[in-house]
Each structure stands twice: as structure tokens, then as C-alpha cells.
Amino acid sequence: MESRIAKLESDVEYIKRDIAELKTDIRSVDSRLANIETGISSMKTTFKATGVVVAGVFSFCVYVFGSYVSKIIDALNELVLK
């Protein structure tokens, strides 16, 4: 009977140790997940800023070169249709 109790105590100690290791692993995973979430948030901001810049450049090009585009297309059509 005494040996069975000793075995159970030993098993409980192993279980406690394993749970402590699992807690450490979970904390590690949690911190890595927080880093990933921060990176994704930063990436979203970067994409938004890039979209604004591209839209601004496109709008500027349309404003500046808009009247020339139709003239260039007409000139190309005349060259191709000859």
C-alpha cells in the first residue's frame, strides 16, 4: 500500500512539472501571437498609406496628363490605321 501511495505521489509531481512547462509554453505562444498581431496591424497601416499615395499620384497624373492622353491615343490611332 505504501509503495502505491509513493507511486501516486511521484506521478502527481510529474503532472505538476508538466503543467508548469505547459504554462511556460502557453506564455511564450501568447507573446509571439501578440507580436504577430502588432505586425499585422502595422502592415494594414502601411497598405493604407501606400493606397493613399498611389491614389494621389494617379489623381495627379490624370489631372496633369489627362488632356494629353486623348491626343496621344488619337495620334496612335492615326499611325495604326494608316
PDB file of N, CA and C in Angstrom:
ATOM      1  N   MET A   1       0.827  -1.188   0.000  1.00  0.00           N
ATOM      2  CA  MET A   1       0.000   0.000   0.000  1.00  0.00           C
ATOM      3  C   MET A   1       0.875   1.257   0.000  1.00  0.00           C
ATOM      4  N   GLU A   2       1.940   1.190   0.794  1.00  0.00           N
ATOM      5  CA  GLU A   2       2.837   2.342   0.899  1.00  0.00           C
ATOM      6  C   GLU A   2       3.517   2.626  -0.445  1.00  0.00           C
ATOM      7  N   SER A   3       3.867   1.581  -1.169  1.00  0.00           N
ATOM      8  CA  SER A   3       4.537   1.778  -2.467  1.00  0.00           C
ATOM      9  C   SER A   3       3.575   2.370  -3.492  1.00  0.00           C
ATOM     10  N   ARG A   4       2.318   1.997  -3.408  1.00  0.00           N
ATOM     11  CA  ARG A   4       1.320   2.551  -4.333  1.00  0.00           C
ATOM     12  C   ARG A   4       1.116   4.035  -4.069  1.00  0.00           C
ATOM     13  N   ILE A   5       1.100   4.427  -2.809  1.00  0.00           N
ATOM     14  CA  ILE A   5       0.955   5.841  -2.467  1.00  0.00           C
ATOM     15  C   ILE A   5       2.181   6.618  -2.942  1.00  0.00           C
ATOM     16  N   ALA A   6       3.345   6.035  -2.751  1.00  0.00           N
ATOM     17  CA  ALA A   6       4.576   6.692  -3.206  1.00  0.00           C
ATOM     18  C   ALA A   6       4.556   6.858  -4.724  1.00  0.00           C
ATOM     19  N   LYS A   7       4.077   5.849  -5.428  1.00  0.00           N
ATOM     20  CA  LYS A   7       3.990   5.942  -6.896  1.00  0.00           C
ATOM     21  C   LYS A   7       3.016   7.041  -7.296  1.00  0.00           C
ATOM     22  N   LEU A   8       1.872   7.114  -6.630  1.00  0.00           N
ATOM     23  CA  LEU A   8       0.898   8.164  -6.928  1.00  0.00           C
ATOM     24  C   LEU A   8       1.481   9.545  -6.654  1.00  0.00           C
ATOM     25  N   GLU A   9       2.202   9.699  -5.550  1.00  0.00           N
ATOM     26  CA  GLU A   9       2.837  10.979  -5.241  1.00  0.00           C
ATOM     27  C   GLU A   9       3.849  11.353  -6.321  1.00  0.00           C
ATOM     28  N   SER A  10       4.591  10.370  -6.756  1.00  0.00           N
ATOM     29  CA  SER A  10       5.576  10.608  -7.816  1.00  0.00           C
ATOM     30  C   SER A  10       4.880  11.031  -9.106  1.00  0.00           C
ATOM     31  N   ASP A  11       3.799  10.340  -9.436  1.00  0.00           N
ATOM     32  CA  ASP A  11       3.050  10.690 -10.646  1.00  0.00           C
ATOM     33  C   ASP A  11       2.479  12.103 -10.559  1.00  0.00           C
ATOM     34  N   VAL A  12       1.985  12.482  -9.390  1.00  0.00           N
ATOM     35  CA  VAL A  12       1.439  13.825  -9.206  1.00  0.00           C
ATOM     36  C   VAL A  12       2.543  14.867  -9.381  1.00  0.00           C
ATOM     37  N   GLU A  13       3.720  14.594  -8.885  1.00  0.00           N
ATOM     38  CA  GLU A  13       4.842  15.530  -9.053  1.00  0.00           C
ATOM     39  C   GLU A  13       5.182  15.700 -10.542  1.00  0.00           C
ATOM     40  N   TYR A  14       5.180  14.595 -11.289  1.00  0.00           N
ATOM     41  CA  TYR A  14       5.434  14.686 -12.736  1.00  0.00           C
ATOM     42  C   TYR A  14       4.345  15.504 -13.430  1.00  0.00           C
ATOM     43  N   ILE A  15       3.108  15.295 -13.012  1.00  0.00           N
ATOM     44  CA  ILE A  15       1.992  16.050 -13.604  1.00  0.00           C
ATOM     45  C   ILE A  15       2.153  17.534 -13.309  1.00  0.00           C
ATOM     46  N   LYS A  16       2.518  17.879 -12.075  1.00  0.00           N
ATOM     47  CA  LYS A  16       2.739  19.282 -11.721  1.00  0.00           C
ATOM     48  C   LYS A  16       3.857  19.888 -12.569  1.00  0.00           C
ATOM     49  N   ARG A  17       4.932  19.144 -12.753  1.00  0.00           N
ATOM     50  CA  ARG A  17       6.050  19.634 -13.562  1.00  0.00           C
ATOM     51  C   ARG A  17       5.618  19.860 -15.009  1.00  0.00           C
ATOM     52  N   ASP A  18       4.870  18.899 -15.549  1.00  0.00           N
ATOM     53  CA  ASP A  18       4.402  19.030 -16.930  1.00  0.00           C
ATOM     54  C   ASP A  18       3.467  20.227 -17.092  1.00  0.00           C
ATOM     55  N   ILE A  19       2.606  20.456 -16.113  1.00  0.00           N
ATOM     56  CA  ILE A  19       1.697  21.604 -16.174  1.00  0.00           C
ATOM     57  C   ILE A  19       2.483  22.904 -16.125  1.00  0.00           C
ATOM     58  N   ALA A  20       3.520  22.954 -15.298  1.00  0.00           N
ATOM     59  CA  ALA A  20       4.355  24.158 -15.232  1.00  0.00           C
ATOM     60  C   ALA A  20       5.026  24.418 -16.583  1.00  0.00           C
ATOM     61  N   GLU A  21       5.496  23.355 -17.238  1.00  0.00           N
ATOM     62  CA  GLU A  21       6.102  23.512 -18.567  1.00  0.00           C
ATOM     63  C   GLU A  21       5.071  24.000 -19.579  1.00  0.00           C
ATOM     64  N   LEU A  22       3.861  23.459 -19.505  1.00  0.00           N
ATOM     65  CA  LEU A  22       2.803  23.889 -20.420  1.00  0.00           C
ATOM     66  C   LEU A  22       2.462  25.362 -20.218  1.00  0.00           C
ATOM     67  N   LYS A  23       2.428  25.811 -18.967  1.00  0.00           N
ATOM     68  CA  LYS A  23       2.154  27.221 -18.697  1.00  0.00           C
ATOM     69  C   LYS A  23       3.223  28.107 -19.326  1.00  0.00           C
ATOM     70  N   THR A  24       4.470  27.687 -19.210  1.00  0.00           N
ATOM     71  CA  THR A  24       5.563  28.454 -19.816  1.00  0.00           C
ATOM     72  C   THR A  24       5.413  28.495 -21.329  1.00  0.00           C
ATOM     73  N   ASP A  25       5.085  27.357 -21.924  1.00  0.00           N
ATOM     74  CA  ASP A  25       4.901  27.309 -23.376  1.00  0.00           C
ATOM     75  C   ASP A  25       3.736  28.193 -23.817  1.00  0.00           C
ATOM     76  N   ILE A  26       2.658  28.176 -23.064  1.00  0.00           N
ATOM     77  CA  ILE A  26       1.487  28.991 -23.412  1.00  0.00           C
ATOM     78  C   ILE A  26       1.828  30.469 -23.329  1.00  0.00           C
ATOM     79  N   ARG A  27       2.594  30.872 -22.320  1.00  0.00           N
ATOM     80  CA  ARG A  27       3.013  32.276 -22.220  1.00  0.00           C
ATOM     81  C   ARG A  27       3.866  32.665 -23.421  1.00  0.00           C
ATOM     82  N   SER A  28       4.742  31.760 -23.830  1.00  0.00           N
ATOM     83  CA  SER A  28       5.596  32.025 -24.989  1.00  0.00           C
ATOM     84  C   SER A  28       4.761  32.184 -26.254  1.00  0.00           C
ATOM     85  N   VAL A  29       3.807  31.298 -26.449  1.00  0.00           N
ATOM     86  CA  VAL A  29       2.932  31.378 -27.619  1.00  0.00           C
ATOM     87  C   VAL A  29       2.110  32.658 -27.579  1.00  0.00           C
ATOM     88  N   ASP A  30       1.642  33.026 -26.400  1.00  0.00           N
ATOM     89  CA  ASP A  30       0.849  34.246 -26.249  1.00  0.00           C
ATOM     90  C   ASP A  30       1.662  35.480 -26.625  1.00  0.00           C
ATOM     91  N   SER A  31       2.910  35.537 -26.196  1.00  0.00           N
ATOM     92  CA  SER A  31       3.734  36.704 -26.540  1.00  0.00           C
ATOM     93  C   SER A  31       4.041  36.734 -28.036  1.00  0.00           C
ATOM     94  N   ARG A  32       4.283  35.574 -28.632  1.00  0.00           N
ATOM     95  CA  ARG A  32       4.524  35.547 -30.082  1.00  0.00           C
ATOM     96  C   ARG A  32       3.278  35.955 -30.854  1.00  0.00           C
ATOM     97  N   LEU A  33       2.115  35.538 -30.381  1.00  0.00           N
ATOM     98  CA  LEU A  33       0.866  35.938 -31.024  1.00  0.00           C
ATOM     99  C   LEU A  33       0.664  37.443 -30.937  1.00  0.00           C
ATOM    100  N   ALA A  34       1.016  38.030 -29.805  1.00  0.00           N
ATOM    101  CA  ALA A  34       0.912  39.483 -29.655  1.00  0.00           C
ATOM    102  C   ALA A  34       1.831  40.185 -30.652  1.00  0.00           C
ATOM    103  N   ASN A  35       3.031  39.642 -30.854  1.00  0.00           N
ATOM    104  CA  ASN A  35       3.950  40.225 -31.841  1.00  0.00           C
ATOM    105  C   ASN A  35       3.389  40.117 -33.253  1.00  0.00           C
ATOM    106  N   ILE A  36       2.771  38.997 -33.564  1.00  0.00           N
ATOM    107  CA  ILE A  36       2.177  38.813 -34.890  1.00  0.00           C
ATOM    108  C   ILE A  36       1.028  39.796 -35.092  1.00  0.00           C
ATOM    109  N   GLU A  37       0.195  39.966 -34.078  1.00  0.00           N
ATOM    110  CA  GLU A  37      -0.921  40.912 -34.184  1.00  0.00           C
ATOM    111  C   GLU A  37      -0.411  42.329 -34.394  1.00  0.00           C
ATOM    112  N   THR A  38       0.661  42.693 -33.700  1.00  0.00           N
ATOM    113  CA  THR A  38       1.249  44.021 -33.880  1.00  0.00           C
ATOM    114  C   THR A  38       1.775  44.181 -35.300  1.00  0.00           C
ATOM    115  N   GLY A  39       2.423  43.144 -35.815  1.00  0.00           N
ATOM    116  CA  GLY A  39       2.935  43.192 -37.186  1.00  0.00           C
ATOM    117  C   GLY A  39       1.824  43.328 -38.209  1.00  0.00           C
ATOM    118  N   ILE A  40       0.740  42.606 -38.014  1.00  0.00           N
ATOM    119  CA  ILE A  40      -0.392  42.687 -38.942  1.00  0.00           C
ATOM    120  C   ILE A  40      -1.012  44.073 -38.898  1.00  0.00           C
ATOM    121  N   SER A  41      -1.142  44.627 -37.707  1.00  0.00           N
ATOM    122  CA  SER A  41      -1.689  45.979 -37.577  1.00  0.00           C
ATOM    123  C   SER A  41      -0.802  46.984 -38.291  1.00  0.00           C
ATOM    124  N   SER A  42       0.495  46.831 -38.138  1.00  0.00           N
ATOM    125  CA  SER A  42       1.441  47.725 -38.816  1.00  0.00           C
ATOM    126  C   SER A  42       1.348  47.563 -40.330  1.00  0.00           C
ATOM    127  N   MET A  43       1.183  46.315 -40.786  1.00  0.00           N
ATOM    128  CA  MET A  43       1.078  46.056 -42.216  1.00  0.00           C
ATOM    129  C   MET A  43      -0.186  46.697 -42.790  1.00  0.00           C
ATOM    130  N   LYS A  44      -1.289  46.629 -42.045  1.00  0.00           N
ATOM    131  CA  LYS A  44      -2.531  47.261 -42.503  1.00  0.00           C
ATOM    132  C   LYS A  44      -2.332  48.759 -42.680  1.00  0.00           C
ATOM    133  N   THR A  45      -1.670  49.377 -41.714  1.00  0.00           N
ATOM    134  CA  THR A  45      -1.408  50.813 -41.793  1.00  0.00           C
ATOM    135  C   THR A  45      -0.533  51.134 -42.995  1.00  0.00           C
ATOM    136  N   THR A  46       0.471  50.310 -43.237  1.00  0.00           N
ATOM    137  CA  THR A  46       1.355  50.522 -44.383  1.00  0.00           C
ATOM    138  C   THR A  46       0.582  50.405 -45.689  1.00  0.00           C
ATOM    139  N   PHE A  47      -0.287  49.401 -45.800  1.00  0.00           N
ATOM    140  CA  PHE A  47      -1.076  49.243 -47.020  1.00  0.00           C
ATOM    141  C   PHE A  47      -2.011  50.428 -47.235  1.00  0.00           C
ATOM    142  N   LYS A  48      -2.612  50.909 -46.161  1.00  0.00           N
ATOM    143  CA  LYS A  48      -3.499  52.067 -46.287  1.00  0.00           C
ATOM    144  C   LYS A  48      -2.725  53.288 -46.759  1.00  0.00           C
ATOM    145  N   ALA A  49      -1.566  53.519 -46.159  1.00  0.00           N
ATOM    146  CA  ALA A  49      -0.756  54.675 -46.551  1.00  0.00           C
ATOM    147  C   ALA A  49      -0.296  54.543 -47.997  1.00  0.00           C
ATOM    148  N   THR A  50       0.092  53.342 -48.404  1.00  0.00           N
ATOM    149  CA  THR A  50       0.512  53.113 -49.785  1.00  0.00           C
ATOM    150  C   THR A  50      -0.646  53.363 -50.740  1.00  0.00           C
ATOM    151  N   GLY A  51      -1.834  52.922 -50.381  1.00  0.00           N
ATOM    152  CA  GLY A  51      -3.016  53.158 -51.212  1.00  0.00           C
ATOM    153  C   GLY A  51      -3.308  54.633 -51.381  1.00  0.00           C
ATOM    154  N   VAL A  52      -3.165  55.390 -50.309  1.00  0.00           N
ATOM    155  CA  VAL A  52      -3.398  56.835 -50.388  1.00  0.00           C
ATOM    156  C   VAL A  52      -2.374  57.491 -51.306  1.00  0.00           C
ATOM    157  N   VAL A  53      -1.112  57.092 -51.178  1.00  0.00           N
ATOM    158  CA  VAL A  53      -0.063  57.674 -52.025  1.00  0.00           C
ATOM    159  C   VAL A  53      -0.300  57.323 -53.487  1.00  0.00           C
ATOM    160  N   VAL A  54      -0.617  56.063 -53.775  1.00  0.00           N
ATOM    161  CA  VAL A  54      -0.859  55.645 -55.160  1.00  0.00           C
ATOM    162  C   VAL A  54      -2.061  56.389 -55.733  1.00  0.00           C
ATOM    163  N   ALA A  55      -3.120  56.518 -54.953  1.00  0.00           N
ATOM    164  CA  ALA A  55      -4.301  57.251 -55.427  1.00  0.00           C
ATOM    165  C   ALA A  55      -3.963  58.711 -55.689  1.00  0.00           C
ATOM    166  N   GLY A  56      -3.160  59.300 -54.829  1.00  0.00           N
ATOM    167  CA  GLY A  56      -2.749  60.690 -55.029  1.00  0.00           C
ATOM    168  C   GLY A  56      -1.921  60.871 -56.281  1.00  0.00           C
ATOM    169  N   VAL A  57      -0.964  59.980 -56.491  1.00  0.00           N
ATOM    170  CA  VAL A  57      -0.125  60.061 -57.692  1.00  0.00           C
ATOM    171  C   VAL A  57      -0.970  59.847 -58.940  1.00  0.00           C
ATOM    172  N   PHE A  58      -1.872  58.877 -58.896  1.00  0.00           N
ATOM    173  CA  PHE A  58      -2.740  58.621 -60.038  1.00  0.00           C
ATOM    174  C   PHE A  58      -3.614  59.836 -60.338  1.00  0.00           C
ATOM    175  N   SER A  59      -4.189  60.417 -59.294  1.00  0.00           N
ATOM    176  CA  SER A  59      -5.029  61.611 -59.489  1.00  0.00           C
ATOM    177  C   SER A  59      -4.225  62.759 -60.086  1.00  0.00           C
ATOM    178  N   PHE A  60      -3.016  62.942 -59.599  1.00  0.00           N
ATOM    179  CA  PHE A  60      -2.156  63.998 -60.125  1.00  0.00           C
ATOM    180  C   PHE A  60      -1.840  63.758 -61.601  1.00  0.00           C
ATOM    181  N   CYS A  61      -1.504  62.513 -61.935  1.00  0.00           N
ATOM    182  CA  CYS A  61      -1.189  62.184 -63.334  1.00  0.00           C
ATOM    183  C   CYS A  61      -2.407  62.397 -64.233  1.00  0.00           C
ATOM    184  N   VAL A  62      -3.579  62.017 -63.768  1.00  0.00           N
ATOM    185  CA  VAL A  62      -4.791  62.233 -64.560  1.00  0.00           C
ATOM    186  C   VAL A  62      -5.025  63.724 -64.749  1.00  0.00           C
ATOM    187  N   TYR A  63      -4.830  64.493 -63.708  1.00  0.00           N
ATOM    188  CA  TYR A  63      -5.034  65.942 -63.790  1.00  0.00           C
ATOM    189  C   TYR A  63      -4.041  66.578 -64.758  1.00  0.00           C
ATOM    190  N   VAL A  64      -2.774  66.203 -64.657  1.00  0.00           N
ATOM    191  CA  VAL A  64      -1.732  66.827 -65.480  1.00  0.00           C
ATOM    192  C   VAL A  64      -1.764  66.302 -66.908  1.00  0.00           C
ATOM    193  N   PHE A  65      -1.854  64.987 -67.057  1.00  0.00           N
ATOM    194  CA  PHE A  65      -1.726  64.386 -68.382  1.00  0.00           C
ATOM    195  C   PHE A  65      -3.062  64.002 -69.002  1.00  0.00           C
ATOM    196  N   GLY A  66      -4.168  64.303 -68.361  1.00  0.00           N
ATOM    197  CA  GLY A  66      -5.484  63.893 -68.849  1.00  0.00           C
ATOM    198  C   GLY A  66      -5.788  64.386 -70.243  1.00  0.00           C
ATOM    199  N   SER A  67      -5.520  65.647 -70.501  1.00  0.00           N
ATOM    200  CA  SER A  67      -5.823  66.188 -71.829  1.00  0.00           C
ATOM    201  C   SER A  67      -4.864  65.635 -72.876  1.00  0.00           C
ATOM    202  N   TYR A  68      -3.665  65.265 -72.461  1.00  0.00           N
ATOM    203  CA  TYR A  68      -2.688  64.743 -73.410  1.00  0.00           C
ATOM    204  C   TYR A  68      -2.956  63.292 -73.773  1.00  0.00           C
ATOM    205  N   VAL A  69      -3.590  62.563 -72.882  1.00  0.00           N
ATOM    206  CA  VAL A  69      -3.837  61.142 -73.140  1.00  0.00           C
ATOM    207  C   VAL A  69      -4.730  60.971 -74.362  1.00  0.00           C
ATOM    208  N   SER A  70      -5.783  61.747 -74.456  1.00  0.00           N
ATOM    209  CA  SER A  70      -6.668  61.619 -75.618  1.00  0.00           C
ATOM    210  C   SER A  70      -5.934  62.003 -76.898  1.00  0.00           C
ATOM    211  N   LYS A  71      -5.064  63.002 -76.846  1.00  0.00           N
ATOM    212  CA  LYS A  71      -4.289  63.389 -78.028  1.00  0.00           C
ATOM    213  C   LYS A  71      -3.307  62.290 -78.419  1.00  0.00           C
ATOM    214  N   ILE A  72      -2.664  61.676 -77.435  1.00  0.00           N
ATOM    215  CA  ILE A  72      -1.720  60.587 -77.718  1.00  0.00           C
ATOM    216  C   ILE A  72      -2.458  59.399 -78.319  1.00  0.00           C
ATOM    217  N   ILE A  73      -3.629  59.072 -77.784  1.00  0.00           N
ATOM    218  CA  ILE A  73      -4.409  57.948 -78.324  1.00  0.00           C
ATOM    219  C   ILE A  73      -4.852  58.241 -79.749  1.00  0.00           C
ATOM    220  N   ASP A  74      -5.284  59.463 -80.011  1.00  0.00           N
ATOM    221  CA  ASP A  74      -5.672  59.838 -81.373  1.00  0.00           C
ATOM    222  C   ASP A  74      -4.487  59.722 -82.322  1.00  0.00           C
ATOM    223  N   ALA A  75      -3.313  60.186 -81.898  1.00  0.00           N
ATOM    224  CA  ALA A  75      -2.114  60.103 -82.739  1.00  0.00           C
ATOM    225  C   ALA A  75      -1.751  58.651 -83.010  1.00  0.00           C
ATOM    226  N   LEU A  76      -1.832  57.792 -81.993  1.00  0.00           N
ATOM    227  CA  LEU A  76      -1.529  56.375 -82.185  1.00  0.00           C
ATOM    228  C   LEU A  76      -2.540  55.720 -83.119  1.00  0.00           C
ATOM    229  N   ASN A  77      -3.799  56.070 -82.989  1.00  0.00           N
ATOM    230  CA  ASN A  77      -4.822  55.521 -83.876  1.00  0.00           C
ATOM    231  C   ASN A  77      -4.564  55.925 -85.319  1.00  0.00           C
ATOM    232  N   GLU A  78      -4.158  57.168 -85.538  1.00  0.00           N
ATOM    233  CA  GLU A  78      -3.857  57.618 -86.902  1.00  0.00           C
ATOM    234  C   GLU A  78      -2.684  56.851 -87.481  1.00  0.00           C
ATOM    235  N   LEU A  79      -1.662  56.587 -86.644  1.00  0.00           N
ATOM    236  CA  LEU A  79      -0.498  55.841 -87.128  1.00  0.00           C
ATOM    237  C   LEU A  79      -0.856  54.393 -87.440  1.00  0.00           C
ATOM    238  N   VAL A  80      -1.670  53.801 -86.610  1.00  0.00           N
ATOM    239  CA  VAL A  80      -2.025  52.395 -86.782  1.00  0.00           C
ATOM    240  C   VAL A  80      -2.994  52.220 -87.944  1.00  0.00           C
ATOM    241  N   LEU A  81      -3.926  53.134 -88.101  1.00  0.00           N
ATOM    242  CA  LEU A  81      -4.954  52.988 -89.126  1.00  0.00           C
ATOM    243  C   LEU A  81      -4.473  53.389 -90.519  1.00  0.00           C
ATOM    244  N   LYS A  82      -3.294  53.954 -90.649  1.00  0.00           N
ATOM    245  CA  LYS A  82      -2.788  54.346 -91.975  1.00  0.00           C
ATOM    246  C   LYS A  82      -2.468  53.168 -92.825  1.00  0.00           C
TER     247      LYS A  82
END
